[in-house]
Amino acid sequence: MTTQTPIQQLVIVGGGTAGWMAAAALSRLLQGKVAIRLVESDEISSVGVGESTIPMIRLFNDVLGINEDEFVRETKATFKLGIEFKDWSRPGERYMHGFGRFGQDLWTVDFFQYWLKAYQAGIAPDLEHFSINRMAARANKFMRPSSETPNSPLAEIVYAFHLDAGLYARYLRKYAEAHGVRRTEGKVVEVRQRPGDGFIESVVLERGEVVAGDLFLDCTGFRGLLIEQTLKTGFEDWSHWLPCDRAWAVPCALSGELLPYTTATARPAGWQWRIGLQRRTGNGHVYASRFMSDDEAAGILMANLDGEALADPKLLRFTAGKRNKVWNKNVVAVGLSSGFLEPLESTSIHLIQSTISRLLAFFPDAGFHQADIDEFNRQCDFEVERIRDFLILHYHATARDDTPFWDHVRTMAVPDTLRRKMDLYKAHGRVVRENEELFTPIGWQQVLHGQGVRPVGYNPLVDLMGDKELRGILGDIERVIGKCVDVMPTHKQFIEAVAAAGQPGSARR
């Protein structure tokens, strides 16, 4: 019988969203079999601007057994149906990357191909008319999918959240500590390595306490205290494809409608985000310092706020890219310590979640077998490289040449993996999802179409359906979605109902 020595002590260095997501999930799933300790310093602030998520966060919350209404109340969250992109393909144009499916299954090929033929023939409106998510977002409506109408678009609503990252970390800290995680406040001043193989043995705190462990999670953000400063893992720079390297971030007072979607508005050397929360709006301007000064970037942000600024803008510096290894020796980098991709498609929190999930799938014994580590790293690389390509697409597939920045990204060389994807789409509108890459074909198709990329043809099997029948089916789908949106409450009304359900004396769902 094979014997192996189990991991006994797991140490998470750093708090914030990454640290407390890891602590919450691992404490829930390891069920007290491994001692978990989180070390963080109150002196070190987290970035805390990643307030927009994608639907996979709901799976994370479900695994933790979190009541969603409570989660929304505690994190002051709002609901998100997609991301609207303004002025990306050319000034004055906009489109939305909505979650969920489009249309309905029709015969032999996917719905997008039927719509594409009709659109090319001029007998169908834009793609968004066939998405419950996108049409609800346009109307500022929201509701959870309804199990009472299983054959209706109302059963197909897919959503994520806008949340306060600081409140989210606080919420998860309370959860993790209730599940046995031991928090230690203190600043790490020394990292001790094991003689011979260089594995991390312990971290030493400013007051002299030594915290030893078998497995360490580096959640120290851009500093990469363990993965980079100590282990010298190395970093692959992607700034030649994603040249934005700075961001100003600032909250402002709520103003206007409470939108159930994120907005990303193109600016002369980057883009500006807007994320509406229950009590404030999060704003940021991501830009390339090669093409714009810090002062000019700050001025653009502050001049384009919906309400009064609630703080001074905060400057963040970063380099797009990934760590050469997410897992090196007995250290796993989680969150910003593993690399950085700008929040254009709200993937930051998801990458934390997927790293935790992958760690559980490859959870080591004390022997730390290299084959497990290598496969873990291979999967991490595949995931982040495909997300990288999706982000590059937003910049590269544009008709804009009105500023030096946009002319540069429009004409730059792109990765071969992205070029193949674009070439395939340009032929017949096809997108192939490789392995378990994050973004689905319909996600790629929405962005490609929204950015102005047009296929020359469509799948010829669509011609098995006559034009009259196709026109009728598309009209029916559009009308049904319109009626569904009409009966939905507004986003604000839905959130008010969730808030009211948490008042004393109310019934919990």
Foldseek 3Di string as FASTA:
>chain_A
DDDFFFWAEEEEEAFFLLNLLLLLLCLLVVQPRHAYEYEEAPVDDDPQQLQDAFQCVVVSCVSSVHDVLVVCVQFLKFKAFWEKEAQLQHHPAIFTLGDWDFADDDPDDRPVQLQQVCVVVVLADDRLLRALSSVLLVVQFDDQQDPVCCPASSNTRGIDIGGRRVSNSVVSVVSSVVSRYHYDYFDFDDWDADPPPRHTAWTAGPVGDTGGTLAYEYAPAQVLVPCPVRVVQAWDFPCLLVQFWKKWKFKFFDDDRQGNHKYWYADQFFTKIWHGGNGIIIIMTTGHCVFDPPVVSLVVRCVPDRHGTPDRIDMDGFTATAGNFCDDRRYGYAFNSGGDDDCPRSCRSVRSVVLSVLCVVLPDGSVPDVVSRVVSRVVSVVQVVVVSLLVSLSQQLHPDPPHVNSVSSVPDDDDPVNVVQLVVCQAANDGDDDDPHPDDSSSSSSSCVSSPRRHPHHPVVSVVDDPVVSSVSSVVSSVSSVVVSVPGHRSVVVSVVSVVCPDPPHPDD
